[in-house]
Amino acid sequence: MLEAFGLSDPGCIRAKNEDYFISDCEAGIFILADGMGGANAGEYASRLSAEKIYNFLLDPSRQNGVRTLEQAFLETNAVVRETAKGDPKLDGMGTTLVVARKVNGTHFQIGSVGDSRAYLLSERRLSLVTKDQTWVAEVGAQLGLTDEAIKKHPMRHMLTMAVGTTDELRISFCVIELGKGDQLLLCSDGLHGVVQEENLMAALSSEKTLPEKCHYLIDAARAAGGPDNVTVILIQSV
């Protein structure tokens, strides 16, 4: 059985919250999107993308394979691009997107575009299971930048891929096992960009309830300056 809780906050600087999330324990579908674009475009892109991919995956006629999740991302990308073409105010909109989908028993498919992340806490070890699609992650490492240099690099938040910004979408996929007591954290860069992983580990390992842990993480991001919108979804197998 799964338990989950999600929470989103605009942070301390931004006037709007362009993050959006869907958490559905019954369907085993969890989605987090971090939008970008002028005016209301980012807010619109994140919501449109999350709702489109959610409805796609809810369709009972679809299979549970990775191919289905890939097709869900591709169709969502096409919808966002087509919508933007029809409204000049939405030109250039895009969004990150990370999706966790329970497929059978204890297994989850994870798909991601951009730099919203999924972390797995299992056997007291916190592991990053997604790959950031950012300049520093994809290019900086090839240039020999150290992990510390990458964390502080001025281009660390520059995305190389986002839903709605290109016809040739690159999607990162993996399959994880969420055993009893394990926790899966989905988060936007408003959290992982300012809160260190050891603090994420401490929060998830605590005896707090899922809502308390989510509130703690949001508070930690705000205490670190809250420069961006911050969203978390915490899923636990019980």
Protein backbone atom coordinates (compact mmCIF):
# COMPACT_ATOMS: atom_id res chain seq x y z
CA MET A 1 0.00 0.00 0.00
CA LEU A 2 1.12 3.53 -0.73
CA GLU A 3 0.89 6.73 1.25
CA ALA A 4 1.74 10.10 -0.29
CA PHE A 5 1.65 13.80 0.38
CA GLY A 6 2.46 16.78 -1.82
CA LEU A 7 3.06 20.43 -1.11
CA SER A 8 3.95 23.50 -3.18
CA ASP A 9 5.05 26.99 -2.18
CA PRO A 10 5.96 30.09 -4.24
CA GLY A 11 9.11 30.68 -2.18
CA CYS A 12 10.33 34.00 -0.86
CA ILE A 13 11.06 35.87 -4.11
CA ARG A 14 8.64 34.87 -6.87
CA ALA A 15 5.21 36.49 -7.05
CA LYS A 16 3.70 33.48 -8.85
CA ASN A 17 3.97 29.76 -8.38
CA GLU A 18 4.72 28.14 -11.75
CA ASP A 19 5.11 24.66 -10.26
CA TYR A 20 2.25 22.16 -10.47
CA PHE A 21 1.81 18.65 -9.14
CA ILE A 22 -0.61 15.73 -9.15
CA SER A 23 -0.52 12.99 -6.51
CA ASP A 24 -2.87 10.03 -6.99
CA CYS A 25 -2.18 7.09 -4.68
CA GLU A 26 -5.12 5.05 -5.96
CA ALA A 27 -3.88 5.19 -9.55
CA GLY A 28 -0.22 5.08 -8.51
CA ILE A 29 0.58 8.18 -10.59
CA PHE A 30 2.66 11.09 -9.31
CA ILE A 31 3.60 14.09 -11.45
CA LEU A 32 5.60 17.26 -10.82
CA ALA A 33 6.17 20.08 -13.31
CA ASP A 34 8.16 23.33 -13.05
CA GLY A 35 7.03 25.78 -15.72
CA MET A 36 8.88 28.59 -17.46
CA GLY A 37 7.96 31.44 -19.80
CA GLY A 38 6.79 35.03 -19.74
CA ALA A 39 3.56 36.36 -18.21
CA ASN A 40 1.39 33.35 -17.30
CA ALA A 41 3.07 30.98 -19.76
CA GLY A 42 5.10 28.99 -17.22
CA GLU A 43 2.12 28.50 -14.94
CA TYR A 44 0.03 27.38 -17.90
CA ALA A 45 2.70 25.04 -19.27
CA SER A 46 3.21 23.17 -16.01
CA ARG A 47 -0.50 22.63 -15.42
CA LEU A 48 -1.25 21.69 -19.03
CA SER A 49 1.62 19.18 -19.11
CA ALA A 50 0.79 17.57 -15.79
CA GLU A 51 -2.89 17.18 -16.58
CA LYS A 52 -2.26 15.91 -20.12
CA ILE A 53 0.19 13.21 -19.08
CA TYR A 54 -1.99 12.25 -16.10
CA ASN A 55 -5.07 11.70 -18.28
CA PHE A 56 -2.99 9.77 -20.81
CA LEU A 57 -1.69 7.39 -18.14
CA LEU A 58 -5.13 6.98 -16.54
CA ASP A 59 -6.50 5.46 -19.76
CA PRO A 60 -7.15 1.78 -18.84
CA SER A 61 -6.60 0.65 -22.43
CA ARG A 62 -2.90 1.54 -22.27
CA GLN A 63 -0.17 -0.90 -21.29
CA ASN A 64 2.26 -0.51 -18.38
CA GLY A 65 5.46 -0.63 -20.45
CA VAL A 66 8.10 2.08 -20.66
CA ARG A 67 6.99 2.64 -24.25
CA THR A 68 3.62 3.86 -22.94
CA LEU A 69 5.30 6.33 -20.60
CA GLU A 70 7.49 7.53 -23.45
CA GLN A 71 4.46 8.04 -25.67
CA ALA A 72 2.77 9.97 -22.86
CA PHE A 73 5.70 12.38 -22.71
CA LEU A 74 5.81 12.77 -26.50
CA GLU A 75 2.09 13.47 -26.82
CA THR A 76 2.26 15.93 -23.93
CA ASN A 77 5.15 17.71 -25.61
CA ALA A 78 3.20 17.95 -28.87
CA VAL A 79 0.16 19.41 -27.10
CA VAL A 80 2.24 22.06 -25.32
CA ARG A 81 3.98 23.08 -28.55
CA GLU A 82 0.75 23.23 -30.51
CA THR A 83 -0.94 25.27 -27.78
CA ALA A 84 1.93 27.77 -27.72
CA LYS A 85 1.75 28.21 -31.49
CA GLY A 86 -1.89 29.24 -31.20
CA ASP A 87 -1.34 32.03 -28.68
CA PRO A 88 1.46 34.63 -28.91
CA LYS A 89 1.26 35.16 -25.14
CA LEU A 90 2.34 31.54 -24.65
CA ASP A 91 5.22 31.65 -27.11
CA GLY A 92 8.34 30.08 -25.61
CA MET A 93 6.58 28.36 -22.75
CA GLY A 94 7.95 25.09 -21.45
CA THR A 95 8.23 22.99 -18.33
CA THR A 96 10.27 20.36 -16.60
CA LEU A 97 8.38 17.14 -15.93
CA VAL A 98 9.07 14.20 -13.64
CA VAL A 99 6.61 11.30 -13.45
CA ALA A 100 6.55 8.28 -11.15
CA ARG A 101 4.13 5.54 -12.15
CA LYS A 102 3.48 2.32 -10.25
CA VAL A 103 3.41 -0.52 -12.74
CA ASN A 104 3.27 -3.73 -10.72
CA GLY A 105 3.84 -4.80 -7.15
CA THR A 106 6.63 -2.65 -5.79
CA HIS A 107 8.00 -1.35 -9.09
CA PHE A 108 7.79 2.20 -10.40
CA GLN A 109 8.68 3.65 -13.78
CA ILE A 110 10.30 7.08 -13.55
CA GLY A 111 10.42 9.45 -16.50
CA SER A 112 11.92 12.93 -16.45
CA VAL A 113 12.71 15.92 -18.63
CA GLY A 114 14.62 18.94 -17.30
CA ASP A 115 15.95 19.22 -13.77
CA SER A 116 13.06 18.24 -11.52
CA ARG A 117 14.31 15.23 -9.61
CA ALA A 118 13.36 11.89 -8.06
CA TYR A 119 15.24 10.58 -5.03
CA LEU A 120 14.89 7.11 -3.50
CA LEU A 121 15.45 6.48 0.20
CA SER A 122 16.05 2.76 0.72
CA GLU A 123 17.98 0.96 3.44
CA ARG A 124 19.04 4.31 4.92
CA ARG A 125 20.63 5.40 1.66
CA LEU A 126 19.44 8.35 -0.43
CA SER A 127 19.96 7.92 -4.18
CA LEU A 128 19.26 10.33 -7.04
CA VAL A 129 17.47 8.22 -9.66
CA THR A 130 16.93 10.89 -12.34
CA LYS A 131 19.47 12.72 -14.49
CA ASP A 132 19.48 16.50 -14.67
CA GLN A 133 19.22 17.84 -18.21
CA THR A 134 21.22 21.00 -17.53
CA TRP A 135 24.32 22.52 -19.08
CA VAL A 136 26.52 21.76 -16.09
CA ALA A 137 25.31 18.17 -15.77
CA GLU A 138 25.76 17.34 -19.45
CA VAL A 139 28.61 19.60 -20.53
CA GLY A 140 30.32 20.67 -17.32
CA ALA A 141 31.19 17.11 -16.36
CA GLN A 142 32.78 16.55 -19.78
CA LEU A 143 34.90 19.64 -19.19
CA GLY A 144 36.20 18.17 -15.96
CA LEU A 145 34.29 20.38 -13.53
CA THR A 146 34.21 18.95 -10.01
CA ASP A 147 30.95 18.26 -8.20
CA GLU A 148 31.54 21.30 -6.00
CA ALA A 149 32.22 23.52 -9.02
CA ILE A 150 29.08 22.24 -10.72
CA LYS A 151 26.95 23.05 -7.65
CA LYS A 152 28.16 26.67 -7.70
CA HIS A 153 28.40 27.22 -11.46
CA PRO A 154 26.36 30.19 -12.78
CA MET A 155 24.88 27.96 -15.52
CA ARG A 156 23.82 25.20 -13.14
CA HIS A 157 20.12 25.97 -13.73
CA MET A 158 20.36 26.35 -17.52
CA LEU A 159 18.22 23.58 -19.00
CA THR A 160 19.24 21.66 -22.10
CA MET A 161 15.80 20.10 -22.45
CA ALA A 162 12.23 20.99 -21.46
CA VAL A 163 8.76 19.88 -22.48
CA GLY A 164 7.32 22.22 -25.10
CA THR A 165 10.58 23.73 -26.32
CA THR A 166 11.57 21.26 -29.05
CA ASP A 167 10.08 18.60 -31.31
CA GLU A 168 12.98 16.26 -30.50
CA LEU A 169 12.30 15.51 -26.84
CA ARG A 170 14.91 13.57 -24.86
CA ILE A 171 13.44 11.69 -21.92
CA SER A 172 15.32 9.95 -19.13
CA PHE A 173 13.78 6.68 -17.92
CA CYS A 174 14.48 4.21 -15.13
CA VAL A 175 12.66 1.55 -13.10
CA ILE A 176 12.97 1.40 -9.32
CA GLU A 177 11.68 -0.87 -6.60
CA LEU A 178 9.91 0.79 -3.69
CA GLY A 179 10.07 -1.76 -0.88
CA LYS A 180 8.23 -1.57 2.41
CA GLY A 181 9.34 1.52 4.32
CA ASP A 182 11.14 3.00 1.30
CA GLN A 183 10.38 6.58 0.28
CA LEU A 184 10.35 8.27 -3.11
CA LEU A 185 10.77 12.04 -3.24
CA LEU A 186 9.87 14.12 -6.30
CA CYS A 187 10.99 17.74 -6.12
CA SER A 188 11.57 20.87 -8.17
CA ASP A 189 14.89 22.69 -8.21
CA GLY A 190 13.47 25.13 -5.70
CA LEU A 191 14.27 22.41 -3.17
CA HIS A 192 17.33 20.55 -4.43
CA GLY A 193 18.94 23.76 -5.66
CA VAL A 194 19.21 25.21 -2.15
CA VAL A 195 18.87 22.33 0.33
CA GLN A 196 21.80 19.93 0.61
CA GLU A 197 21.24 16.21 0.10
CA GLU A 198 22.33 15.41 3.66
CA ASN A 199 19.46 17.60 4.87
CA LEU A 200 17.05 15.81 2.54
CA MET A 201 18.31 12.53 3.96
CA ALA A 202 17.85 13.72 7.54
CA ALA A 203 14.30 14.88 6.87
CA LEU A 204 13.22 11.67 5.14
CA SER A 205 14.90 9.49 7.79
CA SER A 206 13.14 11.24 10.66
CA GLU A 207 10.12 9.89 12.54
CA LYS A 208 7.92 12.69 11.21
CA THR A 209 4.74 11.98 9.25
CA LEU A 210 4.76 12.52 5.48
CA PRO A 211 2.96 15.90 5.78
CA GLU A 212 5.41 16.98 8.49
CA LYS A 213 8.37 15.99 6.32
CA CYS A 214 7.00 17.92 3.34
CA HIS A 215 6.39 21.02 5.44
CA TYR A 216 9.91 20.69 6.87
CA LEU A 217 11.43 20.54 3.38
CA ILE A 218 9.46 23.57 2.20
CA ASP A 219 10.52 25.47 5.32
CA ALA A 220 14.15 24.48 4.74
CA ALA A 221 14.03 25.87 1.19
CA ARG A 222 12.49 29.11 2.43
CA ALA A 223 15.07 29.37 5.22
CA ALA A 224 17.77 29.10 2.53
CA GLY A 225 16.35 32.18 0.82
CA GLY A 226 13.52 30.57 -1.15
CA PRO A 227 14.74 31.98 -4.48
CA ASP A 228 12.38 29.82 -6.54
CA ASN A 229 9.05 28.05 -6.34
CA VAL A 230 9.44 24.81 -4.40
CA THR A 231 7.35 21.67 -4.72
CA VAL A 232 7.67 18.24 -3.14
CA ILE A 233 5.79 14.95 -3.39
CA LEU A 234 6.74 12.25 -0.90
CA ILE A 235 5.60 8.67 -1.52
CA GLN A 236 6.07 5.81 0.94
CA SER A 237 5.39 2.09 0.72
CA VAL A 238 3.75 0.89 3.93
